[in-house]
Amino acid sequence: MLSHTELAESGEFAEFFALAQDLTKVLVVLTDVKGQELYPLYSETQANPLCRLIRSCPAGFMACEEARRSRCREVAAHANGAITTCFVGLVNSGLRVMEGEEHVATLLCGQVSPAPPCEADFRALRDRCEELGLPTADLRAAYYRSPYLAPEKLDQALRLLSYFANLYCRMEEQLESAHSRQQHATIENAKGHIQRHFREPLRLGEVAAQVGLSPAYFSTLFKKSTGEAFCHYVQRLRMDEARRLLLETQDSVTAISRQVGFNSLTHFTRVFYRFEKCAPGRFRKKASGSAADQ
């Protein structure tokens, strides 16, 4: 399955958020449902200077992380997203990323001031951040450089991001569907090759190379797609053919073992017994006896 990080790293996804951030000044991060960052959609230099300053001290960093987790919990409870205010007064919003009915990730955006900077609001901020021990001059400079977005503009930005969050889900579903179809076609090609060549010596690496995959990945994908390991699948085809030859021909067991791809009669007999719970010769006699009784 394609991960959310892989999709977030796609060119279309990154380009959209670069344009959205240039237009709205709203920064976006992709997190899991608990708030753990999966993929930042902006560079550290683009972050709100006030956020950067607060996160530069341990206590501020911990407070910001807890605010993010709290915001994710709020988002999880609201299908249409949620707008929250962090402990320093910046406005943030969040949107759920859904796969069908399942909430699988969260888009968090914000780090904007809801009002133009003023001295009264700075004094309130300074009081809230007193325990962080940040220099007043640094705090003032960061506050006055923080981006401001009017409430109606923030609402427009949120609606734009909401639209893209839905598009994101559809993109993922389409890419996942295409990925699944490609995997299915690859395994079908492999099965066709096996069915044409199971009477010959056949190794997993050869079939993997035939379909352009590494042996390890092919082995995993084959088991996931067919429900059985490559070796078991090949042996099952060989045993099906061996049973047919034992019943429909007078060929010796040794000859049949070679016809179905075994170089060793002992190995053939062992595998046959594993499938039929009896030796090949015994299987033929039992079948002949049953036919004679009818």
C-alpha atoms as a PDB file:
ATOM      1  CA  MET A   1       0.000   0.000   0.000  1.00  0.00           C
ATOM      2  CA  LEU A   2       1.158   3.530  -0.734  1.00  0.00           C
ATOM      3  CA  SER A   3       1.948   5.426   2.449  1.00  0.00           C
ATOM      4  CA  HIS A   4       0.677   8.930   3.149  1.00  0.00           C
ATOM      5  CA  THR A   5       4.289  10.102   3.193  1.00  0.00           C
ATOM      6  CA  GLU A   6       4.872   8.706  -0.312  1.00  0.00           C
ATOM      7  CA  LEU A   7       1.807  10.534  -1.584  1.00  0.00           C
ATOM      8  CA  ALA A   8       2.806  13.739   0.240  1.00  0.00           C
ATOM      9  CA  GLU A   9       6.179  13.577  -1.506  1.00  0.00           C
ATOM     10  CA  SER A  10       4.548  13.448  -4.939  1.00  0.00           C
ATOM     11  CA  GLY A  11       5.122  16.457  -7.178  1.00  0.00           C
ATOM     12  CA  GLU A  12       1.449  17.440  -7.462  1.00  0.00           C
ATOM     13  CA  PHE A  13       0.911  17.342  -3.707  1.00  0.00           C
ATOM     14  CA  ALA A  14       4.000  19.400  -2.883  1.00  0.00           C
ATOM     15  CA  GLU A  15       3.271  21.940  -5.621  1.00  0.00           C
ATOM     16  CA  PHE A  16      -0.271  22.548  -4.391  1.00  0.00           C
ATOM     17  CA  PHE A  17       0.813  23.253  -0.837  1.00  0.00           C
ATOM     18  CA  ALA A  18       3.686  25.473  -1.962  1.00  0.00           C
ATOM     19  CA  LEU A  19       1.188  27.603  -3.902  1.00  0.00           C
ATOM     20  CA  ALA A  20      -1.387  27.543  -1.091  1.00  0.00           C
ATOM     21  CA  GLN A  21       1.194  28.620   1.469  1.00  0.00           C
ATOM     22  CA  ASP A  22       2.454  31.462  -0.743  1.00  0.00           C
ATOM     23  CA  LEU A  23      -1.103  32.736  -1.175  1.00  0.00           C
ATOM     24  CA  THR A  24      -2.454  32.253   2.343  1.00  0.00           C
ATOM     25  CA  LYS A  25       0.661  32.195   4.577  1.00  0.00           C
ATOM     26  CA  VAL A  26      -0.934  29.161   6.242  1.00  0.00           C
ATOM     27  CA  LEU A  27       1.611  26.416   6.925  1.00  0.00           C
ATOM     28  CA  VAL A  28       0.633  22.750   6.724  1.00  0.00           C
ATOM     29  CA  VAL A  29       1.957  19.543   8.265  1.00  0.00           C
ATOM     30  CA  LEU A  30       0.766  15.964   7.739  1.00  0.00           C
ATOM     31  CA  THR A  31       0.454  13.921  10.948  1.00  0.00           C
ATOM     32  CA  ASP A  32      -0.918  10.574  12.001  1.00  0.00           C
ATOM     33  CA  VAL A  33      -4.219  10.549  13.894  1.00  0.00           C
ATOM     34  CA  LYS A  34      -2.420  11.058  17.227  1.00  0.00           C
ATOM     35  CA  GLY A  35      -0.446  14.082  16.074  1.00  0.00           C
ATOM     36  CA  GLN A  36       2.899  12.458  15.281  1.00  0.00           C
ATOM     37  CA  GLU A  37       4.420  14.335  12.356  1.00  0.00           C
ATOM     38  CA  LEU A  38       4.634  12.249   9.190  1.00  0.00           C
ATOM     39  CA  TYR A  39       5.728  14.851   6.690  1.00  0.00           C
ATOM     40  CA  PRO A  40       6.320  18.613   7.007  1.00  0.00           C
ATOM     41  CA  LEU A  41       4.993  20.559   4.053  1.00  0.00           C
ATOM     42  CA  TYR A  42       7.154  23.598   4.752  1.00  0.00           C
ATOM     43  CA  SER A  43      10.764  24.305   5.652  1.00  0.00           C
ATOM     44  CA  GLU A  44      11.862  25.402   9.123  1.00  0.00           C
ATOM     45  CA  THR A  45      12.714  28.862   7.780  1.00  0.00           C
ATOM     46  CA  GLN A  46       9.065  29.302   6.699  1.00  0.00           C
ATOM     47  CA  ALA A  47       7.727  28.610  10.181  1.00  0.00           C
ATOM     48  CA  ASN A  48       6.168  31.417  12.191  1.00  0.00           C
ATOM     49  CA  PRO A  49       9.080  33.215  13.941  1.00  0.00           C
ATOM     50  CA  LEU A  50       7.127  33.206  17.199  1.00  0.00           C
ATOM     51  CA  CYS A  51       6.675  29.428  16.966  1.00  0.00           C
ATOM     52  CA  ARG A  52      10.371  28.957  16.218  1.00  0.00           C
ATOM     53  CA  LEU A  53      11.350  31.019  19.248  1.00  0.00           C
ATOM     54  CA  ILE A  54       9.003  29.226  21.639  1.00  0.00           C
ATOM     55  CA  ARG A  55      10.036  25.791  20.390  1.00  0.00           C
ATOM     56  CA  SER A  56      13.693  26.713  20.890  1.00  0.00           C
ATOM     57  CA  CYS A  57      13.380  26.125  24.648  1.00  0.00           C
ATOM     58  CA  PRO A  58      12.495  22.689  26.107  1.00  0.00           C
ATOM     59  CA  ALA A  59       9.395  23.846  27.982  1.00  0.00           C
ATOM     60  CA  GLY A  60       8.055  25.662  24.936  1.00  0.00           C
ATOM     61  CA  PHE A  61       8.747  22.676  22.688  1.00  0.00           C
ATOM     62  CA  MET A  62       6.845  20.342  25.019  1.00  0.00           C
ATOM     63  CA  ALA A  63       3.931  22.784  25.230  1.00  0.00           C
ATOM     64  CA  CYS A  64       3.764  23.016  21.427  1.00  0.00           C
ATOM     65  CA  GLU A  65       3.814  19.231  21.039  1.00  0.00           C
ATOM     66  CA  GLU A  66       1.003  18.823  23.563  1.00  0.00           C
ATOM     67  CA  ALA A  67      -0.975  21.540  21.763  1.00  0.00           C
ATOM     68  CA  ARG A  68      -0.552  19.605  18.508  1.00  0.00           C
ATOM     69  CA  ARG A  69      -1.804  16.378  20.076  1.00  0.00           C
ATOM     70  CA  SER A  70      -4.745  18.232  21.609  1.00  0.00           C
ATOM     71  CA  ARG A  71      -5.543  19.752  18.224  1.00  0.00           C
ATOM     72  CA  CYS A  72      -5.518  16.313  16.612  1.00  0.00           C
ATOM     73  CA  ARG A  73      -7.973  15.038  19.211  1.00  0.00           C
ATOM     74  CA  GLU A  74     -10.214  18.003  18.460  1.00  0.00           C
ATOM     75  CA  VAL A  75      -9.992  17.345  14.714  1.00  0.00           C
ATOM     76  CA  ALA A  76     -10.813  13.657  15.189  1.00  0.00           C
ATOM     77  CA  ALA A  77     -14.096  14.659  16.829  1.00  0.00           C
ATOM     78  CA  HIS A  78     -15.221  17.000  14.026  1.00  0.00           C
ATOM     79  CA  ALA A  79     -15.892  15.729  10.506  1.00  0.00           C
ATOM     80  CA  ASN A  80     -15.601  19.214   8.983  1.00  0.00           C
ATOM     81  CA  GLY A  81     -12.369  20.104  10.742  1.00  0.00           C
ATOM     82  CA  ALA A  82     -11.690  22.272  13.753  1.00  0.00           C
ATOM     83  CA  ILE A  83     -10.219  25.721  14.411  1.00  0.00           C
ATOM     84  CA  THR A  84      -8.304  26.131  17.652  1.00  0.00           C
ATOM     85  CA  THR A  85      -6.161  28.750  19.375  1.00  0.00           C
ATOM     86  CA  CYS A  86      -2.845  27.677  20.864  1.00  0.00           C
ATOM     87  CA  PHE A  87      -1.505  28.788  24.234  1.00  0.00           C
ATOM     88  CA  VAL A  88       0.271  31.821  22.725  1.00  0.00           C
ATOM     89  CA  GLY A  89      -2.830  32.968  20.824  1.00  0.00           C
ATOM     90  CA  LEU A  90      -2.045  31.747  17.312  1.00  0.00           C
ATOM     91  CA  VAL A  91      -4.900  30.290  15.302  1.00  0.00           C
ATOM     92  CA  ASN A  92      -4.599  26.764  13.913  1.00  0.00           C
ATOM     93  CA  SER A  93      -6.949  24.446  12.083  1.00  0.00           C
ATOM     94  CA  GLY A  94      -7.029  20.778  11.246  1.00  0.00           C
ATOM     95  CA  LEU A  95      -8.686  18.494   8.740  1.00  0.00           C
ATOM     96  CA  ARG A  96      -9.196  14.768   8.751  1.00  0.00           C
ATOM     97  CA  VAL A  97      -7.778  12.657   5.922  1.00  0.00           C
ATOM     98  CA  MET A  98     -10.148   9.764   5.333  1.00  0.00           C
ATOM     99  CA  GLU A  99      -9.928   6.379   3.621  1.00  0.00           C
ATOM    100  CA  GLY A 100     -13.563   5.529   3.188  1.00  0.00           C
ATOM    101  CA  GLU A 101     -14.978   5.822   6.705  1.00  0.00           C
ATOM    102  CA  GLU A 102     -11.599   5.565   8.442  1.00  0.00           C
ATOM    103  CA  HIS A 103      -9.666   8.578   9.747  1.00  0.00           C
ATOM    104  CA  VAL A 104      -6.096   7.731   8.727  1.00  0.00           C
ATOM    105  CA  ALA A 105      -4.152  10.999   8.944  1.00  0.00           C
ATOM    106  CA  THR A 106      -4.552  14.681   9.739  1.00  0.00           C
ATOM    107  CA  LEU A 107      -3.624  17.885   7.940  1.00  0.00           C
ATOM    108  CA  LEU A 108      -2.746  20.562  10.494  1.00  0.00           C
ATOM    109  CA  CYS A 109      -2.440  24.146   9.334  1.00  0.00           C
ATOM    110  CA  GLY A 110      -2.167  27.580  10.834  1.00  0.00           C
ATOM    111  CA  GLN A 111       0.478  29.407  12.887  1.00  0.00           C
ATOM    112  CA  VAL A 112      -1.179  32.739  12.090  1.00  0.00           C
ATOM    113  CA  SER A 113      -2.271  35.612  14.296  1.00  0.00           C
ATOM    114  CA  PRO A 114      -6.041  36.350  14.275  1.00  0.00           C
ATOM    115  CA  ALA A 115      -5.461  40.112  14.640  1.00  0.00           C
ATOM    116  CA  PRO A 116      -2.883  42.692  13.576  1.00  0.00           C
ATOM    117  CA  PRO A 117      -0.060  43.014  16.112  1.00  0.00           C
ATOM    118  CA  CYS A 118      -0.484  45.596  18.846  1.00  0.00           C
ATOM    119  CA  GLU A 119       1.259  46.442  22.104  1.00  0.00           C
ATOM    120  CA  ALA A 120      -1.627  45.314  24.313  1.00  0.00           C
ATOM    121  CA  ASP A 121      -1.641  41.842  22.744  1.00  0.00           C
ATOM    122  CA  PHE A 122       2.141  41.658  23.038  1.00  0.00           C
ATOM    123  CA  ARG A 123       1.982  42.357  26.771  1.00  0.00           C
ATOM    124  CA  ALA A 124      -0.601  39.577  27.142  1.00  0.00           C
ATOM    125  CA  LEU A 125       1.684  37.233  25.190  1.00  0.00           C
ATOM    126  CA  ARG A 126       4.678  38.205  27.330  1.00  0.00           C
ATOM    127  CA  ASP A 127       2.719  37.360  30.473  1.00  0.00           C
ATOM    128  CA  ARG A 128       1.673  33.956  29.078  1.00  0.00           C
ATOM    129  CA  CYS A 129       5.266  33.120  28.149  1.00  0.00           C
ATOM    130  CA  GLU A 130       6.865  34.389  31.345  1.00  0.00           C
ATOM    131  CA  GLU A 131       7.680  30.897  32.633  1.00  0.00           C
ATOM    132  CA  LEU A 132       9.551  30.052  29.433  1.00  0.00           C
ATOM    133  CA  GLY A 133      12.276  32.556  30.289  1.00  0.00           C
ATOM    134  CA  LEU A 134      12.543  33.978  26.775  1.00  0.00           C
ATOM    135  CA  PRO A 135      14.243  37.371  26.328  1.00  0.00           C
ATOM    136  CA  THR A 136      11.618  40.098  26.007  1.00  0.00           C
ATOM    137  CA  ALA A 137      13.384  41.694  23.046  1.00  0.00           C
ATOM    138  CA  ASP A 138      13.431  38.382  21.139  1.00  0.00           C
ATOM    139  CA  LEU A 139       9.798  37.734  22.005  1.00  0.00           C
ATOM    140  CA  ARG A 140       8.778  41.209  20.827  1.00  0.00           C
ATOM    141  CA  ALA A 141      10.667  40.861  17.536  1.00  0.00           C
ATOM    142  CA  ALA A 142       9.155  37.430  16.841  1.00  0.00           C
ATOM    143  CA  TYR A 143       5.639  38.599  17.727  1.00  0.00           C
ATOM    144  CA  TYR A 144       5.747  41.599  15.401  1.00  0.00           C
ATOM    145  CA  ARG A 145       7.059  39.442  12.537  1.00  0.00           C
ATOM    146  CA  SER A 146       4.319  36.818  12.927  1.00  0.00           C
ATOM    147  CA  PRO A 147       1.950  36.601   9.942  1.00  0.00           C
ATOM    148  CA  TYR A 148      -1.562  37.931  10.391  1.00  0.00           C
ATOM    149  CA  LEU A 149      -4.587  36.553   8.583  1.00  0.00           C
ATOM    150  CA  ALA A 150      -8.040  38.082   8.912  1.00  0.00           C
ATOM    151  CA  PRO A 151     -10.739  35.640  10.114  1.00  0.00           C
ATOM    152  CA  GLU A 152     -12.501  35.610   6.733  1.00  0.00           C
ATOM    153  CA  LYS A 153      -9.214  34.876   4.956  1.00  0.00           C
ATOM    154  CA  LEU A 154      -8.442  32.083   7.386  1.00  0.00           C
ATOM    155  CA  ASP A 155     -11.880  30.610   6.698  1.00  0.00           C
ATOM    156  CA  GLN A 156     -11.194  30.751   2.957  1.00  0.00           C
ATOM    157  CA  ALA A 157      -7.824  29.082   3.457  1.00  0.00           C
ATOM    158  CA  LEU A 158      -9.455  26.361   5.530  1.00  0.00           C
ATOM    159  CA  ARG A 159     -12.068  25.717   2.847  1.00  0.00           C
ATOM    160  CA  LEU A 160      -9.324  25.532   0.215  1.00  0.00           C
ATOM    161  CA  LEU A 161      -7.389  23.038   2.296  1.00  0.00           C
ATOM    162  CA  SER A 162     -10.586  21.086   3.002  1.00  0.00           C
ATOM    163  CA  TYR A 163     -11.163  20.775  -0.723  1.00  0.00           C
ATOM    164  CA  PHE A 164      -7.646  19.525  -1.244  1.00  0.00           C
ATOM    165  CA  ALA A 165      -7.873  17.117   1.694  1.00  0.00           C
ATOM    166  CA  ASN A 166     -10.776  15.447  -0.116  1.00  0.00           C
ATOM    167  CA  LEU A 167      -8.816  15.490  -3.367  1.00  0.00           C
ATOM    168  CA  TYR A 168      -5.867  13.989  -1.476  1.00  0.00           C
ATOM    169  CA  CYS A 169      -8.039  11.040  -0.443  1.00  0.00           C
ATOM    170  CA  ARG A 170      -9.236  10.483  -3.992  1.00  0.00           C
ATOM    171  CA  MET A 171      -5.660  10.693  -5.285  1.00  0.00           C
ATOM    172  CA  GLU A 172      -4.571   8.077  -2.782  1.00  0.00           C
ATOM    173  CA  GLU A 173      -7.473   5.778  -3.671  1.00  0.00           C
ATOM    174  CA  GLN A 174      -6.720   6.124  -7.383  1.00  0.00           C
ATOM    175  CA  LEU A 175      -2.997   5.543  -6.930  1.00  0.00           C
ATOM    176  CA  GLU A 176      -3.622   2.602  -4.622  1.00  0.00           C
ATOM    177  CA  SER A 177      -6.090   1.117  -7.104  1.00  0.00           C
ATOM    178  CA  ALA A 178      -3.574   1.515  -9.934  1.00  0.00           C
ATOM    179  CA  HIS A 179      -0.847   0.037  -7.738  1.00  0.00           C
ATOM    180  CA  SER A 180      -3.048  -2.961  -6.888  1.00  0.00           C
ATOM    181  CA  ARG A 181      -3.905  -3.522 -10.543  1.00  0.00           C
ATOM    182  CA  GLN A 182      -0.224  -3.432 -11.430  1.00  0.00           C
ATOM    183  CA  GLN A 183       0.610  -5.934  -8.683  1.00  0.00           C
ATOM    184  CA  HIS A 184      -2.237  -8.208  -9.812  1.00  0.00           C
ATOM    185  CA  ALA A 185      -1.016  -8.093 -13.422  1.00  0.00           C
ATOM    186  CA  THR A 186       2.540  -8.876 -12.293  1.00  0.00           C
ATOM    187  CA  ILE A 187       1.437 -11.942 -10.325  1.00  0.00           C
ATOM    188  CA  GLU A 188      -0.818 -13.115 -13.140  1.00  0.00           C
ATOM    189  CA  ASN A 189       2.161 -12.895 -15.500  1.00  0.00           C
ATOM    190  CA  ALA A 190       4.247 -14.873 -13.024  1.00  0.00           C
ATOM    191  CA  LYS A 191       1.545 -17.538 -12.670  1.00  0.00           C
ATOM    192  CA  GLY A 192       1.303 -17.827 -16.436  1.00  0.00           C
ATOM    193  CA  HIS A 193       5.066 -18.325 -16.672  1.00  0.00           C
ATOM    194  CA  ILE A 194       4.962 -20.965 -13.922  1.00  0.00           C
ATOM    195  CA  GLN A 195       2.093 -22.835 -15.570  1.00  0.00           C
ATOM    196  CA  ARG A 196       3.997 -22.942 -18.855  1.00  0.00           C
ATOM    197  CA  HIS A 197       7.276 -24.064 -17.291  1.00  0.00           C
ATOM    198  CA  PHE A 198       6.483 -26.043 -14.124  1.00  0.00           C
ATOM    199  CA  ARG A 199       7.504 -29.250 -15.915  1.00  0.00           C
ATOM    200  CA  GLU A 200      11.038 -27.850 -16.061  1.00  0.00           C
ATOM    201  CA  PRO A 201      13.433 -27.030 -13.217  1.00  0.00           C
ATOM    202  CA  LEU A 202      12.030 -23.729 -11.945  1.00  0.00           C
ATOM    203  CA  ARG A 203      13.514 -21.380  -9.364  1.00  0.00           C
ATOM    204  CA  LEU A 204      11.933 -18.434  -7.604  1.00  0.00           C
ATOM    205  CA  GLY A 205      14.739 -16.101  -8.715  1.00  0.00           C
ATOM    206  CA  GLU A 206      14.156 -16.962 -12.364  1.00  0.00           C
ATOM    207  CA  VAL A 207      10.442 -16.164 -12.168  1.00  0.00           C
ATOM    208  CA  ALA A 208      11.122 -12.965 -10.191  1.00  0.00           C
ATOM    209  CA  ALA A 209      13.535 -11.823 -12.903  1.00  0.00           C
ATOM    210  CA  GLN A 210      10.958 -12.692 -15.553  1.00  0.00           C
ATOM    211  CA  VAL A 211       8.511 -10.164 -14.040  1.00  0.00           C
ATOM    212  CA  GLY A 212      11.168  -7.606 -13.077  1.00  0.00           C
ATOM    213  CA  LEU A 213      11.103  -7.939  -9.279  1.00  0.00           C
ATOM    214  CA  SER A 214      13.681  -8.802  -6.656  1.00  0.00           C
ATOM    215  CA  PRO A 215      13.372 -12.371  -5.326  1.00  0.00           C
ATOM    216  CA  ALA A 216      12.516 -11.187  -1.800  1.00  0.00           C
ATOM    217  CA  TYR A 217       9.786  -8.771  -2.899  1.00  0.00           C
ATOM    218  CA  PHE A 218       8.382 -11.222  -5.430  1.00  0.00           C
ATOM    219  CA  SER A 219       8.178 -13.940  -2.768  1.00  0.00           C
ATOM    220  CA  THR A 220       6.263 -11.628  -0.413  1.00  0.00           C
ATOM    221  CA  LEU A 221       3.950 -10.310  -3.125  1.00  0.00           C
ATOM    222  CA  PHE A 222       3.243 -13.787  -4.500  1.00  0.00           C
ATOM    223  CA  LYS A 223       2.254 -15.108  -1.060  1.00  0.00           C
ATOM    224  CA  LYS A 224       0.085 -12.037  -0.398  1.00  0.00           C
ATOM    225  CA  SER A 225      -1.681 -12.305  -3.766  1.00  0.00           C
ATOM    226  CA  THR A 226      -2.202 -16.074  -4.023  1.00  0.00           C
ATOM    227  CA  GLY A 227      -2.364 -17.130  -0.393  1.00  0.00           C
ATOM    228  CA  GLU A 228       0.400 -19.692  -0.825  1.00  0.00           C
ATOM    229  CA  ALA A 229       4.167 -19.645  -1.057  1.00  0.00           C
ATOM    230  CA  PHE A 230       5.845 -19.843  -4.460  1.00  0.00           C
ATOM    231  CA  CYS A 231       7.324 -23.287  -3.723  1.00  0.00           C
ATOM    232  CA  HIS A 232       3.963 -24.701  -2.616  1.00  0.00           C
ATOM    233  CA  TYR A 233       2.221 -23.263  -5.679  1.00  0.00           C
ATOM    234  CA  VAL A 234       4.741 -24.889  -8.041  1.00  0.00           C
ATOM    235  CA  GLN A 235       4.579 -28.205  -6.196  1.00  0.00           C
ATOM    236  CA  ARG A 236       0.785 -28.170  -6.290  1.00  0.00           C
ATOM    237  CA  LEU A 237       0.809 -27.736 -10.079  1.00  0.00           C
ATOM    238  CA  ARG A 238       3.333 -30.549 -10.399  1.00  0.00           C
ATOM    239  CA  MET A 239       1.307 -32.863  -8.170  1.00  0.00           C
ATOM    240  CA  ASP A 240      -1.874 -32.126 -10.130  1.00  0.00           C
ATOM    241  CA  GLU A 241      -0.052 -33.106 -13.312  1.00  0.00           C
ATOM    242  CA  ALA A 242       1.544 -36.145 -11.643  1.00  0.00           C
ATOM    243  CA  ARG A 243      -1.870 -37.435 -10.541  1.00  0.00           C
ATOM    244  CA  ARG A 244      -3.202 -37.009 -14.065  1.00  0.00           C
ATOM    245  CA  LEU A 245      -0.267 -38.921 -15.579  1.00  0.00           C
ATOM    246  CA  LEU A 246      -0.522 -41.701 -12.991  1.00  0.00           C
ATOM    247  CA  LEU A 247      -4.198 -42.147 -13.795  1.00  0.00           C
ATOM    248  CA  GLU A 248      -4.170 -41.646 -17.563  1.00  0.00           C
ATOM    249  CA  THR A 249      -0.849 -43.172 -18.693  1.00  0.00           C
ATOM    250  CA  GLN A 250       1.213 -46.272 -18.116  1.00  0.00           C
ATOM    251  CA  ASP A 251       4.423 -44.269 -17.686  1.00  0.00           C
ATOM    252  CA  SER A 252       6.646 -45.343 -14.816  1.00  0.00           C
ATOM    253  CA  VAL A 253       6.772 -43.315 -11.622  1.00  0.00           C
ATOM    254  CA  THR A 254      10.370 -42.407 -12.443  1.00  0.00           C
ATOM    255  CA  ALA A 255       9.383 -41.119 -15.876  1.00  0.00           C
ATOM    256  CA  ILE A 256       6.475 -39.151 -14.440  1.00  0.00           C
ATOM    257  CA  SER A 257       8.691 -37.561 -11.805  1.00  0.00           C
ATOM    258  CA  ARG A 258      10.904 -36.221 -14.580  1.00  0.00           C
ATOM    259  CA  GLN A 259       7.948 -35.084 -16.662  1.00  0.00           C
ATOM    260  CA  VAL A 260       6.722 -32.868 -13.827  1.00  0.00           C
ATOM    261  CA  GLY A 261      10.059 -31.198 -13.146  1.00  0.00           C
ATOM    262  CA  PHE A 262      11.806 -33.401 -10.548  1.00  0.00           C
ATOM    263  CA  ASN A 263      15.388 -34.549 -10.972  1.00  0.00           C
ATOM    264  CA  SER A 264      15.168 -36.825  -7.939  1.00  0.00           C
ATOM    265  CA  LEU A 265      12.696 -39.693  -7.615  1.00  0.00           C
ATOM    266  CA  THR A 266      13.147 -39.620  -3.843  1.00  0.00           C
ATOM    267  CA  HIS A 267      12.238 -35.936  -3.687  1.00  0.00           C
ATOM    268  CA  PHE A 268       9.247 -36.468  -5.974  1.00  0.00           C
ATOM    269  CA  THR A 269       7.990 -39.343  -3.819  1.00  0.00           C
ATOM    270  CA  ARG A 270       8.401 -37.285  -0.646  1.00  0.00           C
ATOM    271  CA  VAL A 271       6.472 -34.324  -2.064  1.00  0.00           C
ATOM    272  CA  PHE A 272       3.768 -36.568  -3.514  1.00  0.00           C
ATOM    273  CA  TYR A 273       3.303 -38.244  -0.138  1.00  0.00           C
ATOM    274  CA  ARG A 274       2.965 -34.831   1.506  1.00  0.00           C
ATOM    275  CA  PHE A 275       0.047 -34.021  -0.796  1.00  0.00           C
ATOM    276  CA  GLU A 276      -1.648 -37.440  -1.099  1.00  0.00           C
ATOM    277  CA  LYS A 277      -0.615 -39.236   2.112  1.00  0.00           C
ATOM    278  CA  CYS A 278       0.593 -42.191   0.041  1.00  0.00           C
ATOM    279  CA  ALA A 279       3.374 -43.050  -2.422  1.00  0.00           C
ATOM    280  CA  PRO A 280       2.792 -42.561  -6.190  1.00  0.00           C
ATOM    281  CA  GLY A 281       2.708 -46.306  -6.904  1.00  0.00           C
ATOM    282  CA  ARG A 282       0.195 -46.903  -4.123  1.00  0.00           C
ATOM    283  CA  PHE A 283      -1.938 -44.010  -5.423  1.00  0.00           C
ATOM    284  CA  ARG A 284      -2.052 -45.635  -8.898  1.00  0.00           C
ATOM    285  CA  LYS A 285      -2.937 -49.066  -7.496  1.00  0.00           C
ATOM    286  CA  LYS A 286      -5.709 -47.650  -5.329  1.00  0.00           C
ATOM    287  CA  ALA A 287      -7.117 -45.760  -8.301  1.00  0.00           C
ATOM    288  CA  SER A 288      -6.904 -48.864 -10.522  1.00  0.00           C
ATOM    289  CA  GLY A 289      -8.585 -50.969  -7.862  1.00  0.00           C
ATOM    290  CA  SER A 290     -11.404 -48.489  -7.490  1.00  0.00           C
ATOM    291  CA  ALA A 291     -11.912 -48.421 -11.264  1.00  0.00           C
ATOM    292  CA  ALA A 292     -11.976 -52.249 -11.426  1.00  0.00           C
ATOM    293  CA  ASP A 293     -14.614 -52.406  -8.686  1.00  0.00           C
ATOM    294  CA  GLN A 294     -16.990 -50.144 -10.577  1.00  0.00           C
END
